[in-house]
Protein backbone atom coordinates (compact mmCIF):
# COMPACT_ATOMS: atom_id res chain seq x y z
CA MET A 1 -18.25 -9.17 46.05
CA GLN A 2 -20.87 -11.91 45.02
CA LYS A 3 -21.31 -10.37 41.63
CA LEU A 4 -17.57 -10.12 41.23
CA TYR A 5 -17.23 -13.63 42.07
CA THR A 6 -20.08 -14.69 39.60
CA LEU A 7 -17.86 -13.08 36.94
CA VAL A 8 -14.51 -15.11 37.73
CA LYS A 9 -15.87 -18.33 39.19
CA ASP A 10 -15.73 -20.35 36.01
CA LYS A 11 -11.84 -18.80 35.36
CA PRO A 12 -8.68 -18.98 36.79
CA TYR A 13 -8.27 -16.08 39.40
CA PHE A 14 -6.21 -14.56 42.17
CA VAL A 15 -7.44 -12.02 44.65
CA VAL A 16 -4.95 -9.75 46.22
CA THR A 17 -6.49 -7.45 48.62
CA SER A 18 -6.33 -5.63 51.94
CA TYR A 19 -9.54 -7.06 53.45
CA THR A 20 -8.66 -9.05 56.61
CA ASP A 21 -12.53 -9.89 57.44
CA ASP A 22 -12.83 -12.64 55.04
CA HIS A 23 -15.13 -10.84 52.88
CA PHE A 24 -13.88 -12.40 49.79
CA ALA A 25 -14.17 -15.98 51.39
CA MET A 26 -18.06 -15.23 52.33
CA ALA A 27 -18.94 -14.22 48.71
CA GLY A 28 -17.54 -17.53 47.94
CA PHE A 29 -13.63 -17.23 46.71
CA GLU A 30 -11.83 -20.11 47.73
CA ARG A 31 -9.44 -19.19 50.29
CA GLN A 32 -6.33 -20.41 48.47
CA HIS A 33 -6.85 -17.98 45.81
CA ILE A 34 -6.90 -14.98 48.30
CA TRP A 35 -4.04 -13.06 49.38
CA GLU A 36 -4.56 -10.90 52.24
CA LEU A 37 -1.84 -8.03 52.29
CA GLU A 38 -2.57 -6.18 55.57
CA ASP A 39 -1.36 -8.73 58.44
CA ILE A 40 2.12 -8.88 55.78
CA VAL A 41 2.28 -5.07 55.27
CA SER A 42 1.47 -4.28 58.95
CA GLY A 43 4.18 -6.60 59.93
CA ILE A 44 6.81 -4.76 57.48
CA ILE A 45 5.78 -1.27 58.42
CA PHE A 46 5.98 -2.42 62.18
CA GLU A 47 9.47 -3.74 61.83
CA ILE A 48 10.69 -0.52 59.86
CA ILE A 49 9.24 1.79 62.55
CA MET A 50 10.89 -0.24 65.27
CA THR A 51 14.19 -0.26 63.71
CA LEU A 52 13.86 3.61 62.88
CA LEU A 53 12.84 3.96 66.90
CA ARG A 54 15.71 1.92 68.03
CA LYS A 55 18.24 4.20 65.94
CA TRP A 56 16.83 7.34 67.13
CA PHE A 57 16.73 6.19 70.74
CA ASP A 58 20.20 4.90 70.56
CA ARG A 59 21.44 8.14 69.37
CA ARG A 60 19.21 10.20 71.86
CA SER A 61 19.77 7.68 74.79
CA LYS A 62 21.99 9.97 77.05
CA THR A 63 19.44 12.99 76.31
CA ILE A 64 16.35 10.73 77.38
CA THR A 65 18.18 9.29 80.52
CA ALA A 66 19.17 12.89 81.52
CA VAL A 67 15.51 14.29 80.98
CA SER A 68 14.01 11.14 82.97
CA TYR A 69 16.51 11.37 85.66
CA THR A 70 15.78 15.24 86.09
CA HIS A 71 11.94 14.41 86.09
CA LEU A 72 12.45 11.94 88.91
CA ARG A 73 13.91 14.46 91.36
């Protein structure tokens, strides 16, 4: 990473990365020029999954309740 920084340090740059461990910042890249996608993407994926699961459970709630009740006996 430090070699990469050496190539761009005197030029305008912007880094888009999935690293969230500050690898680029530790190599000398300025934080305001780094956009870490992983947290953003993880949040979006989590919301999509939760929405799909809610829809799936809503459609099957009667079956799930019946199965759960049967296992309690």
